[in-house]
Amino acid sequence: MQGDELKEEIKKLYEEGKTIRDIAKEKKMSYSKVRRLLLNSGVQFRGRLSPEIVAKVIELAKEGNSANGISQKLNINYNTVLRILRKNNLASKKRKLSNDDIEKIKEMYKKGESIYKIAKDLKISTNLVVYHLKKMNIYKPNSR
């Protein structure tokens, strides 16, 4: 097989959905050689997001959309969205509870408030409420 024929064959296999690794194995070539041939033939590699999509992710994040919301709107993997946001310093930092909030959890729970009500009042998850109650060694789950 000549150079141009081989290049076209490899390009065709890649565009049909085969991975570079599979093509290399099938053609008894190294991975880097196949990748180089594909690069030289101007093939757009799969898995790369276009700059337009990256810009859209950033725009939606700046509008206040969550990573989960962006991932659903644009049909992109959640972790891909997070990676873009982190790279552009837009990933939200986890909010740490203040000592006052932790004390408030303790007081409300001792007064008999439900975990759901505590979570709703403090705008945190029920799991976080239970976590802090267990940490303070005062959580008693309802035995049914």
C-alpha atoms as a PDB file:
ATOM      1  CA  MET A   1       0.000   0.000   0.000  1.00  0.00           C
ATOM      2  CA  GLN A   2       1.380   3.394  -1.003  1.00  0.00           C
ATOM      3  CA  GLY A   3       1.674   6.387   1.348  1.00  0.00           C
ATOM      4  CA  ASP A   4      -1.372   8.276   0.079  1.00  0.00           C
ATOM      5  CA  GLU A   5      -3.507   5.124  -0.094  1.00  0.00           C
ATOM      6  CA  LEU A   6      -2.519   4.220   3.461  1.00  0.00           C
ATOM      7  CA  LYS A   7      -3.270   7.748   4.667  1.00  0.00           C
ATOM      8  CA  GLU A   8      -6.739   7.642   3.074  1.00  0.00           C
ATOM      9  CA  GLU A   9      -7.429   4.156   4.484  1.00  0.00           C
ATOM     10  CA  ILE A  10      -6.463   5.258   8.005  1.00  0.00           C
ATOM     11  CA  LYS A  11      -8.524   8.445   7.668  1.00  0.00           C
ATOM     12  CA  LYS A  12     -11.541   6.407   6.497  1.00  0.00           C
ATOM     13  CA  LEU A  13     -11.228   3.952   9.411  1.00  0.00           C
ATOM     14  CA  TYR A  14     -11.021   6.816  11.915  1.00  0.00           C
ATOM     15  CA  GLU A  15     -14.030   8.580  10.423  1.00  0.00           C
ATOM     16  CA  GLU A  16     -15.979   5.294  10.618  1.00  0.00           C
ATOM     17  CA  GLY A  17     -15.486   5.408  14.380  1.00  0.00           C
ATOM     18  CA  LYS A  18     -12.426   3.247  15.006  1.00  0.00           C
ATOM     19  CA  THR A  19      -9.995   4.442  17.646  1.00  0.00           C
ATOM     20  CA  ILE A  20      -6.404   5.357  16.846  1.00  0.00           C
ATOM     21  CA  ARG A  21      -5.283   2.431  18.997  1.00  0.00           C
ATOM     22  CA  ASP A  22      -7.471  -0.036  17.047  1.00  0.00           C
ATOM     23  CA  ILE A  23      -6.249   1.288  13.695  1.00  0.00           C
ATOM     24  CA  ALA A  24      -2.620   1.034  14.838  1.00  0.00           C
ATOM     25  CA  LYS A  25      -3.145  -2.574  15.889  1.00  0.00           C
ATOM     26  CA  GLU A  26      -4.972  -3.463  12.654  1.00  0.00           C
ATOM     27  CA  LYS A  27      -2.320  -1.827  10.424  1.00  0.00           C
ATOM     28  CA  LYS A  28       0.576  -3.066  12.584  1.00  0.00           C
ATOM     29  CA  MET A  29       1.809   0.479  13.148  1.00  0.00           C
ATOM     30  CA  SER A  30       2.611   2.500  16.236  1.00  0.00           C
ATOM     31  CA  TYR A  31      -0.056   4.666  17.848  1.00  0.00           C
ATOM     32  CA  SER A  32       2.032   7.808  17.322  1.00  0.00           C
ATOM     33  CA  LYS A  33       2.569   7.036  13.608  1.00  0.00           C
ATOM     34  CA  VAL A  34      -1.200   6.639  13.035  1.00  0.00           C
ATOM     35  CA  ARG A  35      -1.934   9.796  15.021  1.00  0.00           C
ATOM     36  CA  ARG A  36       0.688  11.736  13.050  1.00  0.00           C
ATOM     37  CA  LEU A  37      -0.787  10.540   9.730  1.00  0.00           C
ATOM     38  CA  LEU A  38      -4.254  11.637  10.868  1.00  0.00           C
ATOM     39  CA  LEU A  39      -2.931  15.026  11.989  1.00  0.00           C
ATOM     40  CA  ASN A  40      -1.162  15.545   8.658  1.00  0.00           C
ATOM     41  CA  SER A  41      -4.355  14.703   6.751  1.00  0.00           C
ATOM     42  CA  GLY A  42      -6.227  17.393   8.687  1.00  0.00           C
ATOM     43  CA  VAL A  43      -8.639  15.119  10.533  1.00  0.00           C
ATOM     44  CA  GLN A  44     -10.645  16.766  13.346  1.00  0.00           C
ATOM     45  CA  PHE A  45     -10.133  14.510  16.372  1.00  0.00           C
ATOM     46  CA  ARG A  46     -13.177  13.325  18.278  1.00  0.00           C
ATOM     47  CA  GLY A  47     -13.715  14.394  21.847  1.00  0.00           C
ATOM     48  CA  ARG A  48     -12.594  17.965  21.385  1.00  0.00           C
ATOM     49  CA  LEU A  49     -15.223  20.598  21.987  1.00  0.00           C
ATOM     50  CA  SER A  50     -15.417  23.452  19.539  1.00  0.00           C
ATOM     51  CA  PRO A  51     -14.462  26.903  20.833  1.00  0.00           C
ATOM     52  CA  GLU A  52     -18.104  27.943  20.295  1.00  0.00           C
ATOM     53  CA  ILE A  53     -19.359  25.302  22.742  1.00  0.00           C
ATOM     54  CA  VAL A  54     -16.682  26.210  25.305  1.00  0.00           C
ATOM     55  CA  ALA A  55     -17.721  29.872  24.965  1.00  0.00           C
ATOM     56  CA  LYS A  56     -21.388  28.886  25.448  1.00  0.00           C
ATOM     57  CA  VAL A  57     -20.507  26.938  28.636  1.00  0.00           C
ATOM     58  CA  ILE A  58     -18.651  29.979  29.997  1.00  0.00           C
ATOM     59  CA  GLU A  59     -21.508  32.317  29.041  1.00  0.00           C
ATOM     60  CA  LEU A  60     -24.115  30.108  30.763  1.00  0.00           C
ATOM     61  CA  ALA A  61     -21.932  29.872  33.877  1.00  0.00           C
ATOM     62  CA  LYS A  62     -21.578  33.656  34.035  1.00  0.00           C
ATOM     63  CA  GLU A  63     -25.379  33.916  33.810  1.00  0.00           C
ATOM     64  CA  GLY A  64     -25.532  31.874  37.010  1.00  0.00           C
ATOM     65  CA  ASN A  65     -26.367  28.423  35.638  1.00  0.00           C
ATOM     66  CA  SER A  66     -25.050  25.440  37.582  1.00  0.00           C
ATOM     67  CA  ALA A  67     -22.625  22.958  36.028  1.00  0.00           C
ATOM     68  CA  ASN A  68     -25.373  20.352  36.155  1.00  0.00           C
ATOM     69  CA  GLY A  69     -27.825  22.689  34.415  1.00  0.00           C
ATOM     70  CA  ILE A  70     -25.287  23.572  31.721  1.00  0.00           C
ATOM     71  CA  SER A  71     -24.479  19.914  31.134  1.00  0.00           C
ATOM     72  CA  GLN A  72     -28.173  19.119  30.623  1.00  0.00           C
ATOM     73  CA  LYS A  73     -28.871  22.154  28.399  1.00  0.00           C
ATOM     74  CA  LEU A  74     -25.931  21.508  26.079  1.00  0.00           C
ATOM     75  CA  ASN A  75     -25.964  17.705  26.363  1.00  0.00           C
ATOM     76  CA  ILE A  76     -22.320  17.628  27.473  1.00  0.00           C
ATOM     77  CA  ASN A  77     -20.872  15.395  30.169  1.00  0.00           C
ATOM     78  CA  TYR A  78     -21.040  17.023  33.621  1.00  0.00           C
ATOM     79  CA  ASN A  79     -17.309  16.457  34.249  1.00  0.00           C
ATOM     80  CA  THR A  80     -16.435  18.117  30.931  1.00  0.00           C
ATOM     81  CA  VAL A  81     -18.430  21.193  31.977  1.00  0.00           C
ATOM     82  CA  LEU A  82     -16.659  21.230  35.367  1.00  0.00           C
ATOM     83  CA  ARG A  83     -13.256  20.978  33.673  1.00  0.00           C
ATOM     84  CA  ILE A  84     -14.072  23.982  31.436  1.00  0.00           C
ATOM     85  CA  LEU A  85     -15.332  25.985  34.428  1.00  0.00           C
ATOM     86  CA  ARG A  86     -12.250  25.166  36.534  1.00  0.00           C
ATOM     87  CA  LYS A  87      -9.927  26.067  33.671  1.00  0.00           C
ATOM     88  CA  ASN A  88     -11.642  29.467  33.436  1.00  0.00           C
ATOM     89  CA  ASN A  89     -11.834  30.017  37.226  1.00  0.00           C
ATOM     90  CA  LEU A  90     -15.622  29.799  37.215  1.00  0.00           C
ATOM     91  CA  ALA A  91     -16.082  26.654  39.302  1.00  0.00           C
ATOM     92  CA  SER A  92     -17.956  27.422  42.482  1.00  0.00           C
ATOM     93  CA  LYS A  93     -16.103  26.883  45.693  1.00  0.00           C
ATOM     94  CA  LYS A  94     -17.753  24.659  48.254  1.00  0.00           C
ATOM     95  CA  ARG A  95     -19.338  26.827  50.899  1.00  0.00           C
ATOM     96  CA  LYS A  96     -17.991  25.931  54.304  1.00  0.00           C
ATOM     97  CA  LEU A  97     -20.446  26.166  57.190  1.00  0.00           C
ATOM     98  CA  SER A  98     -19.610  28.756  59.797  1.00  0.00           C
ATOM     99  CA  ASN A  99     -19.378  27.780  63.456  1.00  0.00           C
ATOM    100  CA  ASP A 100     -22.591  29.766  64.019  1.00  0.00           C
ATOM    101  CA  ASP A 101     -24.428  27.643  61.443  1.00  0.00           C
ATOM    102  CA  ILE A 102     -23.120  24.434  63.007  1.00  0.00           C
ATOM    103  CA  GLU A 103     -24.267  25.667  66.423  1.00  0.00           C
ATOM    104  CA  LYS A 104     -27.660  26.563  64.927  1.00  0.00           C
ATOM    105  CA  ILE A 105     -27.991  22.980  63.591  1.00  0.00           C
ATOM    106  CA  LYS A 106     -27.293  21.671  67.099  1.00  0.00           C
ATOM    107  CA  GLU A 107     -29.801  24.017  68.783  1.00  0.00           C
ATOM    108  CA  MET A 108     -32.579  23.414  66.253  1.00  0.00           C
ATOM    109  CA  TYR A 109     -32.116  19.634  66.442  1.00  0.00           C
ATOM    110  CA  LYS A 110     -32.211  19.668  70.252  1.00  0.00           C
ATOM    111  CA  LYS A 111     -35.430  21.738  70.109  1.00  0.00           C
ATOM    112  CA  GLY A 112     -36.977  18.934  68.074  1.00  0.00           C
ATOM    113  CA  GLU A 113     -36.847  20.482  64.585  1.00  0.00           C
ATOM    114  CA  SER A 114     -36.770  17.999  61.714  1.00  0.00           C
ATOM    115  CA  ILE A 115     -33.600  17.525  59.705  1.00  0.00           C
ATOM    116  CA  TYR A 116     -35.520  18.645  56.618  1.00  0.00           C
ATOM    117  CA  LYS A 117     -36.595  21.917  58.293  1.00  0.00           C
ATOM    118  CA  ILE A 118     -33.050  22.606  59.534  1.00  0.00           C
ATOM    119  CA  ALA A 119     -31.656  22.011  56.040  1.00  0.00           C
ATOM    120  CA  LYS A 120     -34.290  24.227  54.432  1.00  0.00           C
ATOM    121  CA  ASP A 121     -33.745  27.090  56.902  1.00  0.00           C
ATOM    122  CA  LEU A 122     -29.963  27.031  56.421  1.00  0.00           C
ATOM    123  CA  LYS A 123     -30.196  26.349  52.662  1.00  0.00           C
ATOM    124  CA  ILE A 124     -28.022  23.239  52.880  1.00  0.00           C
ATOM    125  CA  SER A 125     -28.613  19.559  52.142  1.00  0.00           C
ATOM    126  CA  THR A 126     -30.141  17.159  54.649  1.00  0.00           C
ATOM    127  CA  ASN A 127     -26.990  15.046  54.268  1.00  0.00           C
ATOM    128  CA  LEU A 128     -24.880  17.946  55.496  1.00  0.00           C
ATOM    129  CA  VAL A 129     -27.160  18.410  58.521  1.00  0.00           C
ATOM    130  CA  VAL A 130     -26.874  14.702  59.396  1.00  0.00           C
ATOM    131  CA  TYR A 131     -23.098  14.825  58.843  1.00  0.00           C
ATOM    132  CA  HIS A 132     -22.659  17.631  61.396  1.00  0.00           C
ATOM    133  CA  LEU A 133     -25.060  16.041  63.883  1.00  0.00           C
ATOM    134  CA  LYS A 134     -23.120  12.771  63.688  1.00  0.00           C
ATOM    135  CA  LYS A 135     -19.856  14.680  64.045  1.00  0.00           C
ATOM    136  CA  MET A 136     -21.204  16.259  67.256  1.00  0.00           C
ATOM    137  CA  ASN A 137     -22.356  12.800  68.340  1.00  0.00           C
ATOM    138  CA  ILE A 138     -25.994  13.858  68.852  1.00  0.00           C
ATOM    139  CA  TYR A 139     -27.715  12.298  65.832  1.00  0.00           C
ATOM    140  CA  LYS A 140     -30.323   9.697  66.736  1.00  0.00           C
ATOM    141  CA  PRO A 141     -32.026   8.265  63.653  1.00  0.00           C
ATOM    142  CA  ASN A 142     -35.700   7.399  64.023  1.00  0.00           C
ATOM    143  CA  SER A 143     -36.023   3.680  64.590  1.00  0.00           C
ATOM    144  CA  ARG A 144     -39.033   2.383  62.708  1.00  0.00           C
END
